[in-house]
């Protein structure tokens, strides 16, 4: 005769079945006392539903944490790429004024060795007004790249010619009217004053931020 094969029973399942059978007819308080007593005799910590839920919750958080950190790291990497080439001083200026690289890229050539003014046009109907805008924007371009709103006579002349803002006969006269915003001369170069930097900031905001009044 063939001997019947006896299936192996998991002792843990048997124990659970026995404990359940022993406790199911007791009231909840009695069940808790029995479990705590047995746990004490066996010198183990008696688990509770709350502890189990807390444990599983922590495990879920730990499982999700690497992904969260990964997303945060990716976000920082993209942010660093967007700010590449921008001076630390200018980064603080951007943060204070709520200016993002994407906005500034409309006006300035970000991401290159020498940040420059690349706007299609500058504000101003007359040459004098456009010249004013070019001076302020060239200052910001230099500020973004080096942390100093300083530029040369050659740079400003080239930009003014590009934007039809160079009036050779009246250049010095128009420049004198900008004395509160621009310091320097053609030999030493030009630098935006604190007032000039403030006005240039407002000009950049006007150009890069949508008009919310309409």
Protein backbone atom coordinates (compact mmCIF):
# COMPACT_ATOMS: atom_id res chain seq x y z
CA UNK A 1 0.00 0.00 0.00
CA UNK A 2 1.11 3.55 -0.77
CA UNK A 3 1.61 5.70 2.27
CA UNK A 4 -0.35 8.90 2.27
CA UNK A 5 1.79 11.98 2.04
CA UNK A 6 1.18 14.27 4.97
CA UNK A 7 1.15 17.96 4.03
CA UNK A 8 3.41 20.09 6.18
CA UNK A 9 1.46 22.64 8.17
CA UNK A 10 3.04 25.96 9.00
CA UNK A 11 3.38 26.04 12.81
CA UNK A 12 2.68 29.78 12.80
CA UNK A 13 -0.69 29.19 11.14
CA UNK A 14 -1.50 26.51 13.72
CA UNK A 15 -0.55 28.87 16.56
CA UNK A 16 -2.70 31.67 15.13
CA UNK A 17 -5.62 29.28 14.80
CA UNK A 18 -5.23 28.05 18.37
CA UNK A 19 -4.90 31.55 19.81
CA UNK A 20 -7.90 32.76 17.83
CA UNK A 21 -9.98 29.82 19.02
CA UNK A 22 -8.98 30.49 22.61
CA UNK A 23 -9.72 34.22 22.51
CA UNK A 24 -12.72 34.61 20.24
CA UNK A 25 -15.33 34.03 22.94
CA UNK A 26 -13.74 36.47 25.41
CA UNK A 27 -14.59 40.14 25.64
CA UNK A 28 -12.03 42.63 24.22
CA UNK A 29 -10.59 43.57 27.62
CA UNK A 30 -10.06 39.92 28.51
CA UNK A 31 -8.46 39.28 25.12
CA UNK A 32 -6.00 42.14 25.73
CA UNK A 33 -5.15 40.89 29.22
CA UNK A 34 -4.50 37.37 27.96
CA UNK A 35 -2.27 38.60 25.13
CA UNK A 36 -0.31 40.87 27.47
CA UNK A 37 0.10 38.10 30.01
CA UNK A 38 1.33 35.61 27.43
CA UNK A 39 3.65 38.22 25.93
CA UNK A 40 5.05 38.86 29.40
CA UNK A 41 5.64 35.19 30.02
CA UNK A 42 7.42 34.89 26.69
CA UNK A 43 9.32 38.15 27.33
CA UNK A 44 8.24 39.78 24.10
CA UNK A 45 6.55 43.10 23.40
CA UNK A 46 2.83 42.77 22.85
CA UNK A 47 1.96 44.42 19.49
CA UNK A 48 -1.10 46.62 19.15
CA UNK A 49 -3.12 47.62 16.11
CA UNK A 50 -1.91 51.20 16.51
CA UNK A 51 1.72 50.11 16.59
CA UNK A 52 1.25 47.93 13.52
CA UNK A 53 -0.34 50.81 11.62
CA UNK A 54 2.44 53.16 12.71
CA UNK A 55 5.08 50.65 11.61
CA UNK A 56 3.51 50.14 8.20
CA UNK A 57 3.07 53.89 7.80
CA UNK A 58 6.77 54.49 8.49
CA UNK A 59 7.74 51.77 6.09
CA UNK A 60 5.59 53.43 3.42
CA UNK A 61 7.22 56.79 4.10
CA UNK A 62 10.69 55.25 3.92
CA UNK A 63 9.82 53.61 0.63
CA UNK A 64 8.60 56.93 -0.79
CA UNK A 65 11.49 58.98 0.60
CA UNK A 66 14.14 58.02 -1.98
CA UNK A 67 11.80 59.08 -4.79
CA UNK A 68 11.01 62.37 -3.04
CA UNK A 69 14.70 63.08 -2.57
CA UNK A 70 15.33 62.14 -6.18
CA UNK A 71 12.68 64.59 -7.40
CA UNK A 72 14.10 67.33 -5.19
CA UNK A 73 17.59 66.63 -6.50
CA UNK A 74 16.37 66.79 -10.11
CA UNK A 75 14.65 70.10 -9.37
CA UNK A 76 17.87 71.53 -7.92
CA UNK A 77 19.85 70.34 -10.93
CA UNK A 78 17.44 72.03 -13.36
CA UNK A 79 17.53 75.20 -11.28
CA UNK A 80 21.34 75.21 -11.31
CA UNK A 81 21.33 74.76 -15.08
CA UNK A 82 18.97 77.72 -15.49
CA UNK A 83 21.19 79.89 -13.28
CA UNK A 84 24.47 78.83 -14.89
CA UNK A 85 26.67 81.82 -15.68
CA UNK A 86 24.69 84.19 -13.44
CA UNK A 87 26.72 85.80 -10.67
CA UNK A 88 25.83 85.03 -7.02
CA UNK A 89 25.06 88.71 -6.45
CA UNK A 90 22.63 88.74 -9.37
CA UNK A 91 20.98 85.52 -8.18
CA UNK A 92 20.09 87.25 -4.92
CA UNK A 93 18.81 90.23 -6.89
CA UNK A 94 16.61 87.91 -8.96
CA UNK A 95 15.22 86.25 -5.83
CA UNK A 96 14.44 89.61 -4.18
CA UNK A 97 12.58 90.82 -7.24
CA UNK A 98 10.80 87.59 -8.17
CA UNK A 99 12.59 87.27 -11.51
CA UNK A 100 13.04 83.85 -13.09
CA UNK A 101 15.68 82.81 -15.67
CA UNK A 102 12.94 82.06 -18.19
CA UNK A 103 11.70 85.65 -17.96
CA UNK A 104 15.14 87.19 -18.22
CA UNK A 105 16.06 85.03 -21.22
CA UNK A 106 13.64 87.17 -23.26
CA UNK A 107 15.95 90.14 -22.78
CA UNK A 108 19.39 88.70 -21.98
CA UNK A 109 21.54 85.90 -23.39
CA UNK A 110 21.69 83.63 -20.35
CA UNK A 111 23.76 80.45 -20.32
CA UNK A 112 26.75 81.90 -22.21
CA UNK A 113 30.16 83.09 -21.08
CA UNK A 114 29.30 86.77 -21.52
CA UNK A 115 25.69 87.69 -20.86
CA UNK A 116 24.49 90.40 -23.22
CA UNK A 117 21.38 92.37 -24.16
CA UNK A 118 19.42 90.50 -26.86
CA UNK A 119 15.92 92.02 -26.67
CA UNK A 120 14.25 92.50 -30.04
CA UNK A 121 13.56 96.11 -29.12
CA UNK A 122 13.92 98.46 -26.17
CA UNK A 123 11.35 100.90 -24.75
CA UNK A 124 11.37 104.43 -26.12
CA UNK A 125 9.89 106.28 -29.11
CA UNK A 126 12.79 108.72 -29.47
CA UNK A 127 16.53 108.03 -29.64
CA UNK A 128 17.09 109.73 -26.29
CA UNK A 129 14.52 107.46 -24.61
CA UNK A 130 15.91 104.33 -26.27
CA UNK A 131 19.42 105.38 -25.25
CA UNK A 132 18.22 105.60 -21.65
CA UNK A 133 16.75 102.09 -21.88
CA UNK A 134 19.93 100.67 -23.44
CA UNK A 135 22.12 102.11 -20.67
CA UNK A 136 19.92 100.57 -17.98
CA UNK A 137 19.61 97.20 -19.70
CA UNK A 138 23.31 96.96 -20.53
CA UNK A 139 23.95 97.59 -16.85
CA UNK A 140 21.72 94.66 -15.89
CA UNK A 141 23.38 92.43 -18.50
CA UNK A 142 26.77 93.15 -16.93
CA UNK A 143 25.31 92.74 -13.43
CA UNK A 144 23.98 89.31 -14.30
CA UNK A 145 27.31 88.11 -15.59
CA UNK A 146 29.80 89.72 -13.21
CA UNK A 147 27.85 91.09 -10.26
CA UNK A 148 28.82 94.66 -11.24
CA UNK A 149 26.63 96.86 -13.45
CA UNK A 150 29.66 98.14 -15.38
CA UNK A 151 30.24 98.35 -19.14
CA UNK A 152 32.55 100.09 -21.61
CA UNK A 153 32.08 102.90 -24.12
CA UNK A 154 32.50 100.41 -26.98
CA UNK A 155 29.81 98.12 -25.56
CA UNK A 156 27.25 100.86 -25.04
CA UNK A 157 27.93 102.43 -28.44
CA UNK A 158 27.49 99.10 -30.21
CA UNK A 159 24.20 98.47 -28.36
CA UNK A 160 22.88 101.96 -29.05
CA UNK A 161 23.64 101.58 -32.75
CA UNK A 162 21.88 98.22 -32.80
CA UNK A 163 18.70 99.67 -31.27
CA UNK A 164 18.83 102.93 -33.25
CA UNK A 165 19.51 104.81 -30.04
CA UNK A 166 22.82 106.48 -30.87
CA UNK A 167 22.71 110.21 -31.51
CA UNK A 168 26.36 111.15 -32.09
CA UNK A 169 25.72 114.90 -32.00
CA UNK A 170 23.82 114.81 -28.72
CA UNK A 171 25.31 111.72 -27.02
CA UNK A 172 27.24 113.65 -24.36
CA UNK A 173 24.26 115.92 -23.70
CA UNK A 174 21.87 113.00 -23.27
CA UNK A 175 24.40 111.20 -21.09
CA UNK A 176 24.58 114.19 -18.75
CA UNK A 177 20.83 113.89 -18.17
CA UNK A 178 21.45 110.35 -16.89
CA UNK A 179 23.97 111.44 -14.25
CA UNK A 180 21.78 110.29 -11.36
CA UNK A 181 21.57 106.79 -12.85
CA UNK A 182 24.92 106.37 -14.62
CA UNK A 183 28.41 107.33 -13.45
CA UNK A 184 31.71 107.32 -15.36
CA UNK A 185 32.89 108.44 -18.78
CA UNK A 186 34.02 107.01 -22.09
CA UNK A 187 37.61 106.52 -20.85
CA UNK A 188 36.79 104.68 -17.61
CA UNK A 189 33.53 103.07 -18.69
CA UNK A 190 30.09 103.44 -17.14
CA UNK A 191 28.45 102.03 -14.01
CA UNK A 192 24.86 102.14 -12.85
CA UNK A 193 24.36 104.01 -9.60
CA UNK A 194 22.08 102.52 -6.90
CA UNK A 195 19.26 104.62 -8.34
CA UNK A 196 20.13 103.46 -11.84
CA UNK A 197 20.09 99.82 -10.74
CA UNK A 198 16.71 100.32 -9.08
CA UNK A 199 15.25 101.95 -12.20
CA UNK A 200 16.81 99.27 -14.39
CA UNK A 201 15.17 96.61 -12.23
CA UNK A 202 11.77 98.19 -12.72
CA UNK A 203 12.41 98.41 -16.46
CA UNK A 204 13.26 94.70 -16.60
CA UNK A 205 10.08 93.86 -14.70
CA UNK A 206 8.03 95.94 -17.11
CA UNK A 207 9.51 94.14 -20.10
CA UNK A 208 9.45 90.60 -18.74
CA UNK A 209 6.25 90.49 -16.69
CA UNK A 210 2.82 90.49 -18.36
CA UNK A 211 0.66 93.56 -17.97
CA UNK A 212 -1.97 92.57 -15.40
CA UNK A 213 -3.99 95.74 -15.77
CA UNK A 214 -5.48 94.77 -19.11
